[in-house]
């Protein structure tokens, strides 16, 4: 299978290595230019890990912020998102002959959003898991291709839960789905929107919308509240 990778960090590299070990071919990669917090483009040690991994292997690379349909070569079977925060538009996804899939570290449709693991820990969830899904226009909302649950070990942090459990699970589930597609087994289970939850990224500023607050005895006027007895 010809795979185009969109991702970043150690997880994307782990997935890419596992795909190669299974006999698949990585024909291109999209990743951030630099690791988070780095600024020196001339220092290869500052490059994102997937970019650095692709370079010595002569795998074409593009900045994930600039990824468009024209960057996907002909003959791609699967576009695979592994820890990718780049939005893959409809035309880009259409360049994959079989599927565009991604991994999310939660039991979708629960904990949609980029900080799913941190919210899992914050909410004190006892059960979590991983989901491979088909990418669509709805963020984290596409049909499920594979899903597996696991118990959250006592004392887990977001880092330990990801490193020791959810990342290895993600590698295994992504390989399973790629193998399914190679064997002409396409699984698409719609997510139950009645169960869906979505949490914002924890590093975003709190939303302040005073026009959404209705106080007793007030009405909304041009996005503000004015007392009825004025």
C-alpha atoms as a PDB file:
ATOM      1  CA  UNK A   1       0.000   0.000   0.000  1.00  0.00           C
ATOM      2  CA  UNK A   2       1.196   3.517  -0.807  1.00  0.00           C
ATOM      3  CA  UNK A   3       0.740   5.707   2.278  1.00  0.00           C
ATOM      4  CA  UNK A   4       0.923   9.484   2.608  1.00  0.00           C
ATOM      5  CA  UNK A   5       1.623  10.539   6.197  1.00  0.00           C
ATOM      6  CA  UNK A   6       0.374  13.723   7.838  1.00  0.00           C
ATOM      7  CA  UNK A   7       1.524  14.052  11.420  1.00  0.00           C
ATOM      8  CA  UNK A   8       4.166  15.115  13.851  1.00  0.00           C
ATOM      9  CA  UNK A   9       6.391  14.024  16.672  1.00  0.00           C
ATOM     10  CA  UNK A  10       7.449  10.631  17.919  1.00  0.00           C
ATOM     11  CA  UNK A  11       4.030   9.044  17.365  1.00  0.00           C
ATOM     12  CA  UNK A  12       4.056   9.789  13.630  1.00  0.00           C
ATOM     13  CA  UNK A  13       7.527   8.278  13.338  1.00  0.00           C
ATOM     14  CA  UNK A  14       6.448   5.159  15.271  1.00  0.00           C
ATOM     15  CA  UNK A  15       3.513   4.707  12.898  1.00  0.00           C
ATOM     16  CA  UNK A  16       5.694   5.260   9.820  1.00  0.00           C
ATOM     17  CA  UNK A  17       8.276   2.722  11.011  1.00  0.00           C
ATOM     18  CA  UNK A  18       5.568   0.171  11.787  1.00  0.00           C
ATOM     19  CA  UNK A  19       4.054   0.621   8.309  1.00  0.00           C
ATOM     20  CA  UNK A  20       7.430   0.062   6.664  1.00  0.00           C
ATOM     21  CA  UNK A  21       7.976  -3.062   8.773  1.00  0.00           C
ATOM     22  CA  UNK A  22       4.666  -4.403   7.433  1.00  0.00           C
ATOM     23  CA  UNK A  23       5.800  -3.862   3.839  1.00  0.00           C
ATOM     24  CA  UNK A  24       3.911  -0.661   3.090  1.00  0.00           C
ATOM     25  CA  UNK A  25       5.529   2.316   1.370  1.00  0.00           C
ATOM     26  CA  UNK A  26       5.586   5.902   2.646  1.00  0.00           C
ATOM     27  CA  UNK A  27       5.401   8.090  -0.467  1.00  0.00           C
ATOM     28  CA  UNK A  28       5.199  11.495   1.207  1.00  0.00           C
ATOM     29  CA  UNK A  29       4.981  13.259   4.547  1.00  0.00           C
ATOM     30  CA  UNK A  30       3.469  16.471   5.858  1.00  0.00           C
ATOM     31  CA  UNK A  31       4.713  17.769   9.192  1.00  0.00           C
ATOM     32  CA  UNK A  32       5.393  21.076  10.946  1.00  0.00           C
ATOM     33  CA  UNK A  33       8.677  22.728  10.024  1.00  0.00           C
ATOM     34  CA  UNK A  34       9.972  22.859  13.568  1.00  0.00           C
ATOM     35  CA  UNK A  35       9.423  21.222  16.913  1.00  0.00           C
ATOM     36  CA  UNK A  36       7.275  23.222  19.285  1.00  0.00           C
ATOM     37  CA  UNK A  37       9.248  26.050  20.825  1.00  0.00           C
ATOM     38  CA  UNK A  38      12.109  25.882  18.304  1.00  0.00           C
ATOM     39  CA  UNK A  39      12.941  28.756  15.962  1.00  0.00           C
ATOM     40  CA  UNK A  40      16.149  27.852  14.086  1.00  0.00           C
ATOM     41  CA  UNK A  41      15.221  26.497  10.659  1.00  0.00           C
ATOM     42  CA  UNK A  42      18.898  25.907   9.805  1.00  0.00           C
ATOM     43  CA  UNK A  43      19.359  23.482  12.713  1.00  0.00           C
ATOM     44  CA  UNK A  44      18.080  20.027  11.713  1.00  0.00           C
ATOM     45  CA  UNK A  45      17.813  19.152  15.408  1.00  0.00           C
ATOM     46  CA  UNK A  46      15.008  21.714  15.573  1.00  0.00           C
ATOM     47  CA  UNK A  47      12.993  20.053  12.828  1.00  0.00           C
ATOM     48  CA  UNK A  48       9.855  18.133  13.667  1.00  0.00           C
ATOM     49  CA  UNK A  49      10.637  14.456  14.123  1.00  0.00           C
ATOM     50  CA  UNK A  50       8.596  13.275  11.139  1.00  0.00           C
ATOM     51  CA  UNK A  51      10.328  15.807   8.901  1.00  0.00           C
ATOM     52  CA  UNK A  52      13.725  14.725  10.227  1.00  0.00           C
ATOM     53  CA  UNK A  53      12.781  11.071   9.718  1.00  0.00           C
ATOM     54  CA  UNK A  54      11.692  11.635   6.109  1.00  0.00           C
ATOM     55  CA  UNK A  55      14.752  13.647   5.042  1.00  0.00           C
ATOM     56  CA  UNK A  56      17.459  10.915   4.973  1.00  0.00           C
ATOM     57  CA  UNK A  57      15.003   8.501   3.353  1.00  0.00           C
ATOM     58  CA  UNK A  58      14.352  10.869   0.431  1.00  0.00           C
ATOM     59  CA  UNK A  59      10.646  10.926   1.254  1.00  0.00           C
ATOM     60  CA  UNK A  60       9.061  14.120  -0.128  1.00  0.00           C
ATOM     61  CA  UNK A  61       8.054  16.474   2.679  1.00  0.00           C
ATOM     62  CA  UNK A  62       5.814  19.516   2.883  1.00  0.00           C
ATOM     63  CA  UNK A  63       4.860  21.828   5.715  1.00  0.00           C
ATOM     64  CA  UNK A  64       1.585  20.516   7.129  1.00  0.00           C
ATOM     65  CA  UNK A  65       0.208  24.075   7.305  1.00  0.00           C
ATOM     66  CA  UNK A  66       0.529  24.262   3.521  1.00  0.00           C
ATOM     67  CA  UNK A  67      -0.727  20.763   2.667  1.00  0.00           C
ATOM     68  CA  UNK A  68      -3.054  20.804  -0.329  1.00  0.00           C
ATOM     69  CA  UNK A  69      -4.303  18.280  -2.870  1.00  0.00           C
ATOM     70  CA  UNK A  70      -1.433  19.146  -5.220  1.00  0.00           C
ATOM     71  CA  UNK A  71       1.065  17.825  -2.664  1.00  0.00           C
ATOM     72  CA  UNK A  72      -0.430  14.320  -2.698  1.00  0.00           C
ATOM     73  CA  UNK A  73       1.237  12.282  -5.463  1.00  0.00           C
ATOM     74  CA  UNK A  74      -0.619  10.030  -7.850  1.00  0.00           C
ATOM     75  CA  UNK A  75      -1.140   6.455  -6.747  1.00  0.00           C
ATOM     76  CA  UNK A  76      -1.681   7.114  -3.037  1.00  0.00           C
ATOM     77  CA  UNK A  77      -3.899   4.447  -1.496  1.00  0.00           C
ATOM     78  CA  UNK A  78      -4.267   5.864   2.016  1.00  0.00           C
ATOM     79  CA  UNK A  79      -3.701   9.261   3.583  1.00  0.00           C
ATOM     80  CA  UNK A  80      -2.980   8.668   7.248  1.00  0.00           C
ATOM     81  CA  UNK A  81      -3.102  11.320   9.977  1.00  0.00           C
ATOM     82  CA  UNK A  82      -0.934  10.483  13.000  1.00  0.00           C
ATOM     83  CA  UNK A  83      -1.009  13.251  15.612  1.00  0.00           C
ATOM     84  CA  UNK A  84      -1.846  15.715  12.882  1.00  0.00           C
ATOM     85  CA  UNK A  85      -3.457  19.057  13.660  1.00  0.00           C
ATOM     86  CA  UNK A  86      -3.674  20.022   9.994  1.00  0.00           C
ATOM     87  CA  UNK A  87      -7.116  20.116   8.398  1.00  0.00           C
ATOM     88  CA  UNK A  88      -7.306  17.859   5.353  1.00  0.00           C
ATOM     89  CA  UNK A  89      -9.845  19.317   2.984  1.00  0.00           C
ATOM     90  CA  UNK A  90     -12.210  17.460   0.693  1.00  0.00           C
ATOM     91  CA  UNK A  91      -9.976  17.775  -2.388  1.00  0.00           C
ATOM     92  CA  UNK A  92      -6.946  16.615  -0.445  1.00  0.00           C
ATOM     93  CA  UNK A  93      -8.787  13.607   0.961  1.00  0.00           C
ATOM     94  CA  UNK A  94     -10.046  12.749  -2.519  1.00  0.00           C
ATOM     95  CA  UNK A  95      -6.449  12.135  -3.620  1.00  0.00           C
ATOM     96  CA  UNK A  96      -6.441   8.886  -1.608  1.00  0.00           C
ATOM     97  CA  UNK A  97      -7.614   5.923  -3.656  1.00  0.00           C
ATOM     98  CA  UNK A  98      -9.013   4.006  -0.686  1.00  0.00           C
ATOM     99  CA  UNK A  99      -9.349   6.124   2.452  1.00  0.00           C
ATOM    100  CA  UNK A 100      -8.155   9.001   4.591  1.00  0.00           C
ATOM    101  CA  UNK A 101      -7.927   7.886   8.210  1.00  0.00           C
ATOM    102  CA  UNK A 102      -6.750   9.273  11.516  1.00  0.00           C
ATOM    103  CA  UNK A 103      -6.263   8.204  15.122  1.00  0.00           C
ATOM    104  CA  UNK A 104      -7.931   9.894  18.082  1.00  0.00           C
ATOM    105  CA  UNK A 105      -7.015   8.957  21.680  1.00  0.00           C
ATOM    106  CA  UNK A 106     -10.533   8.603  23.030  1.00  0.00           C
ATOM    107  CA  UNK A 107     -13.614   6.463  22.608  1.00  0.00           C
ATOM    108  CA  UNK A 108     -15.210   8.624  19.949  1.00  0.00           C
ATOM    109  CA  UNK A 109     -17.638  10.303  19.928  1.00  0.00           C
ATOM    110  CA  UNK A 110     -16.484  11.100  23.494  1.00  0.00           C
ATOM    111  CA  UNK A 111     -13.831  13.763  24.012  1.00  0.00           C
ATOM    112  CA  UNK A 112     -13.602  15.185  20.538  1.00  0.00           C
ATOM    113  CA  UNK A 113     -10.956  17.900  20.327  1.00  0.00           C
ATOM    114  CA  UNK A 114      -7.190  18.169  20.499  1.00  0.00           C
ATOM    115  CA  UNK A 115      -6.782  17.704  24.273  1.00  0.00           C
ATOM    116  CA  UNK A 116      -8.772  14.479  24.660  1.00  0.00           C
ATOM    117  CA  UNK A 117      -6.281  12.808  27.010  1.00  0.00           C
ATOM    118  CA  UNK A 118      -5.948  15.795  29.317  1.00  0.00           C
ATOM    119  CA  UNK A 119      -9.729  16.016  29.562  1.00  0.00           C
ATOM    120  CA  UNK A 120      -9.904  12.270  30.247  1.00  0.00           C
ATOM    121  CA  UNK A 121      -7.598  12.758  33.230  1.00  0.00           C
ATOM    122  CA  UNK A 122      -9.303  15.973  34.357  1.00  0.00           C
ATOM    123  CA  UNK A 123     -12.742  14.337  34.291  1.00  0.00           C
ATOM    124  CA  UNK A 124     -11.508  11.297  36.207  1.00  0.00           C
ATOM    125  CA  UNK A 125     -12.603   8.815  33.533  1.00  0.00           C
ATOM    126  CA  UNK A 126     -12.000   5.198  34.529  1.00  0.00           C
ATOM    127  CA  UNK A 127     -12.246   3.909  30.958  1.00  0.00           C
ATOM    128  CA  UNK A 128     -10.770   5.379  27.806  1.00  0.00           C
ATOM    129  CA  UNK A 129      -9.505   4.026  24.515  1.00  0.00           C
ATOM    130  CA  UNK A 130      -8.499   4.800  20.985  1.00  0.00           C
ATOM    131  CA  UNK A 131     -10.395   5.236  17.733  1.00  0.00           C
ATOM    132  CA  UNK A 132      -9.368   5.126  14.090  1.00  0.00           C
ATOM    133  CA  UNK A 133     -11.890   6.981  11.955  1.00  0.00           C
ATOM    134  CA  UNK A 134     -12.427   8.180   8.411  1.00  0.00           C
ATOM    135  CA  UNK A 135     -11.722  11.896   8.112  1.00  0.00           C
ATOM    136  CA  UNK A 136     -14.619  14.095   6.997  1.00  0.00           C
ATOM    137  CA  UNK A 137     -15.527  17.783   7.136  1.00  0.00           C
ATOM    138  CA  UNK A 138     -16.609  17.319  10.765  1.00  0.00           C
ATOM    139  CA  UNK A 139     -13.669  17.408  13.169  1.00  0.00           C
ATOM    140  CA  UNK A 140     -13.244  13.983  14.820  1.00  0.00           C
ATOM    141  CA  UNK A 141     -16.730  13.098  13.617  1.00  0.00           C
ATOM    142  CA  UNK A 142     -16.196  10.649  10.755  1.00  0.00           C
ATOM    143  CA  UNK A 143     -17.250   6.984  10.707  1.00  0.00           C
ATOM    144  CA  UNK A 144     -15.252   4.623  12.889  1.00  0.00           C
ATOM    145  CA  UNK A 145     -12.948   2.047  11.314  1.00  0.00           C
ATOM    146  CA  UNK A 146     -11.606   0.543  14.557  1.00  0.00           C
ATOM    147  CA  UNK A 147     -11.969   1.181  18.262  1.00  0.00           C
ATOM    148  CA  UNK A 148     -10.701  -0.426  21.461  1.00  0.00           C
ATOM    149  CA  UNK A 149     -11.138   0.474  25.119  1.00  0.00           C
ATOM    150  CA  UNK A 150      -8.760   0.229  28.062  1.00  0.00           C
ATOM    151  CA  UNK A 151      -8.913   0.929  31.783  1.00  0.00           C
ATOM    152  CA  UNK A 152      -7.171   4.057  33.037  1.00  0.00           C
ATOM    153  CA  UNK A 153      -4.480   2.925  35.493  1.00  0.00           C
ATOM    154  CA  UNK A 154      -4.678   4.610  38.921  1.00  0.00           C
ATOM    155  CA  UNK A 155      -2.326   7.569  39.215  1.00  0.00           C
ATOM    156  CA  UNK A 156      -2.099   8.103  35.473  1.00  0.00           C
ATOM    157  CA  UNK A 157      -1.092  11.438  34.064  1.00  0.00           C
ATOM    158  CA  UNK A 158      -1.908  12.609  30.563  1.00  0.00           C
ATOM    159  CA  UNK A 159       1.718  11.953  29.602  1.00  0.00           C
ATOM    160  CA  UNK A 160       1.908   8.440  31.054  1.00  0.00           C
ATOM    161  CA  UNK A 161      -1.493   7.438  29.689  1.00  0.00           C
ATOM    162  CA  UNK A 162      -0.434   8.508  26.201  1.00  0.00           C
ATOM    163  CA  UNK A 163       3.099   7.126  26.302  1.00  0.00           C
ATOM    164  CA  UNK A 164       2.385   3.759  27.913  1.00  0.00           C
ATOM    165  CA  UNK A 165      -1.076   2.944  26.598  1.00  0.00           C
ATOM    166  CA  UNK A 166      -2.801   5.162  24.034  1.00  0.00           C
ATOM    167  CA  UNK A 167       0.144   5.711  21.669  1.00  0.00           C
ATOM    168  CA  UNK A 168       0.965   1.976  21.373  1.00  0.00           C
ATOM    169  CA  UNK A 169      -2.747   1.289  20.926  1.00  0.00           C
ATOM    170  CA  UNK A 170      -2.870   3.892  18.158  1.00  0.00           C
ATOM    171  CA  UNK A 171      -0.009   2.295  16.253  1.00  0.00           C
ATOM    172  CA  UNK A 172      -1.686  -1.107  16.459  1.00  0.00           C
ATOM    173  CA  UNK A 173      -5.144   0.129  15.437  1.00  0.00           C
ATOM    174  CA  UNK A 174      -3.816   2.138  12.492  1.00  0.00           C
ATOM    175  CA  UNK A 175      -1.912  -0.891  11.222  1.00  0.00           C
ATOM    176  CA  UNK A 176      -5.055  -2.999  11.593  1.00  0.00           C
ATOM    177  CA  UNK A 177      -7.138  -0.577   9.537  1.00  0.00           C
ATOM    178  CA  UNK A 178      -4.474  -0.293   6.815  1.00  0.00           C
ATOM    179  CA  UNK A 179      -4.344  -4.099   6.661  1.00  0.00           C
ATOM    180  CA  UNK A 180      -8.155  -4.201   6.470  1.00  0.00           C
ATOM    181  CA  UNK A 181      -8.146  -1.759   3.560  1.00  0.00           C
ATOM    182  CA  UNK A 182      -5.410  -3.730   1.798  1.00  0.00           C
ATOM    183  CA  UNK A 183      -7.596  -6.826   2.115  1.00  0.00           C
ATOM    184  CA  UNK A 184     -10.616  -4.931   0.707  1.00  0.00           C
ATOM    185  CA  UNK A 185     -12.292  -4.753   4.128  1.00  0.00           C
ATOM    186  CA  UNK A 186     -13.682  -1.240   4.614  1.00  0.00           C
ATOM    187  CA  UNK A 187     -15.333  -0.647   7.989  1.00  0.00           C
ATOM    188  CA  UNK A 188     -17.403   2.499   8.552  1.00  0.00           C
ATOM    189  CA  UNK A 189     -19.526   2.680  11.712  1.00  0.00           C
ATOM    190  CA  UNK A 190     -21.315   6.038  12.129  1.00  0.00           C
ATOM    191  CA  UNK A 191     -20.661   7.835  15.391  1.00  0.00           C
ATOM    192  CA  UNK A 192     -23.651   8.359  17.682  1.00  0.00           C
ATOM    193  CA  UNK A 193     -24.072  12.134  17.807  1.00  0.00           C
ATOM    194  CA  UNK A 194     -26.313  11.871  20.888  1.00  0.00           C
ATOM    195  CA  UNK A 195     -23.270  10.716  22.859  1.00  0.00           C
ATOM    196  CA  UNK A 196     -20.809  13.218  21.423  1.00  0.00           C
ATOM    197  CA  UNK A 197     -18.800  15.524  23.663  1.00  0.00           C
ATOM    198  CA  UNK A 198     -16.327  18.179  22.605  1.00  0.00           C
ATOM    199  CA  UNK A 199     -13.852  20.030  24.775  1.00  0.00           C
ATOM    200  CA  UNK A 200     -11.683  22.988  23.764  1.00  0.00           C
ATOM    201  CA  UNK A 201      -7.902  22.930  23.837  1.00  0.00           C
ATOM    202  CA  UNK A 202      -6.720  23.588  27.369  1.00  0.00           C
ATOM    203  CA  UNK A 203      -4.245  26.237  26.258  1.00  0.00           C
ATOM    204  CA  UNK A 204      -6.912  28.446  24.665  1.00  0.00           C
ATOM    205  CA  UNK A 205      -8.132  31.575  26.363  1.00  0.00           C
ATOM    206  CA  UNK A 206     -11.490  31.312  28.188  1.00  0.00           C
ATOM    207  CA  UNK A 207     -14.412  32.376  26.016  1.00  0.00           C
ATOM    208  CA  UNK A 208     -15.899  35.694  27.188  1.00  0.00           C
ATOM    209  CA  UNK A 209     -19.267  36.396  25.640  1.00  0.00           C
ATOM    210  CA  UNK A 210     -21.285  38.716  27.890  1.00  0.00           C
ATOM    211  CA  UNK A 211     -24.035  38.884  25.285  1.00  0.00           C
ATOM    212  CA  UNK A 212     -24.764  35.216  25.996  1.00  0.00           C
ATOM    213  CA  UNK A 213     -25.505  35.920  29.664  1.00  0.00           C
ATOM    214  CA  UNK A 214     -29.137  36.760  30.417  1.00  0.00           C
ATOM    215  CA  UNK A 215     -29.745  38.299  33.845  1.00  0.00           C
ATOM    216  CA  UNK A 216     -33.188  38.240  35.475  1.00  0.00           C
ATOM    217  CA  UNK A 217     -35.215  41.242  34.376  1.00  0.00           C
ATOM    218  CA  UNK A 218     -33.084  42.063  31.364  1.00  0.00           C
ATOM    219  CA  UNK A 219     -33.358  41.746  27.600  1.00  0.00           C
ATOM    220  CA  UNK A 220     -30.730  41.518  24.879  1.00  0.00           C
ATOM    221  CA  UNK A 221     -30.182  44.652  22.841  1.00  0.00           C
ATOM    222  CA  UNK A 222     -27.394  44.666  20.232  1.00  0.00           C
ATOM    223  CA  UNK A 223     -25.419  42.048  22.126  1.00  0.00           C
ATOM    224  CA  UNK A 224     -25.791  43.717  25.526  1.00  0.00           C
ATOM    225  CA  UNK A 225     -28.261  43.597  28.395  1.00  0.00           C
ATOM    226  CA  UNK A 226     -30.459  46.565  29.308  1.00  0.00           C
ATOM    227  CA  UNK A 227     -32.642  46.570  32.397  1.00  0.00           C
ATOM    228  CA  UNK A 228     -36.350  46.677  31.667  1.00  0.00           C
ATOM    229  CA  UNK A 229     -36.936  49.317  34.307  1.00  0.00           C
ATOM    230  CA  UNK A 230     -34.456  51.853  32.861  1.00  0.00           C
END
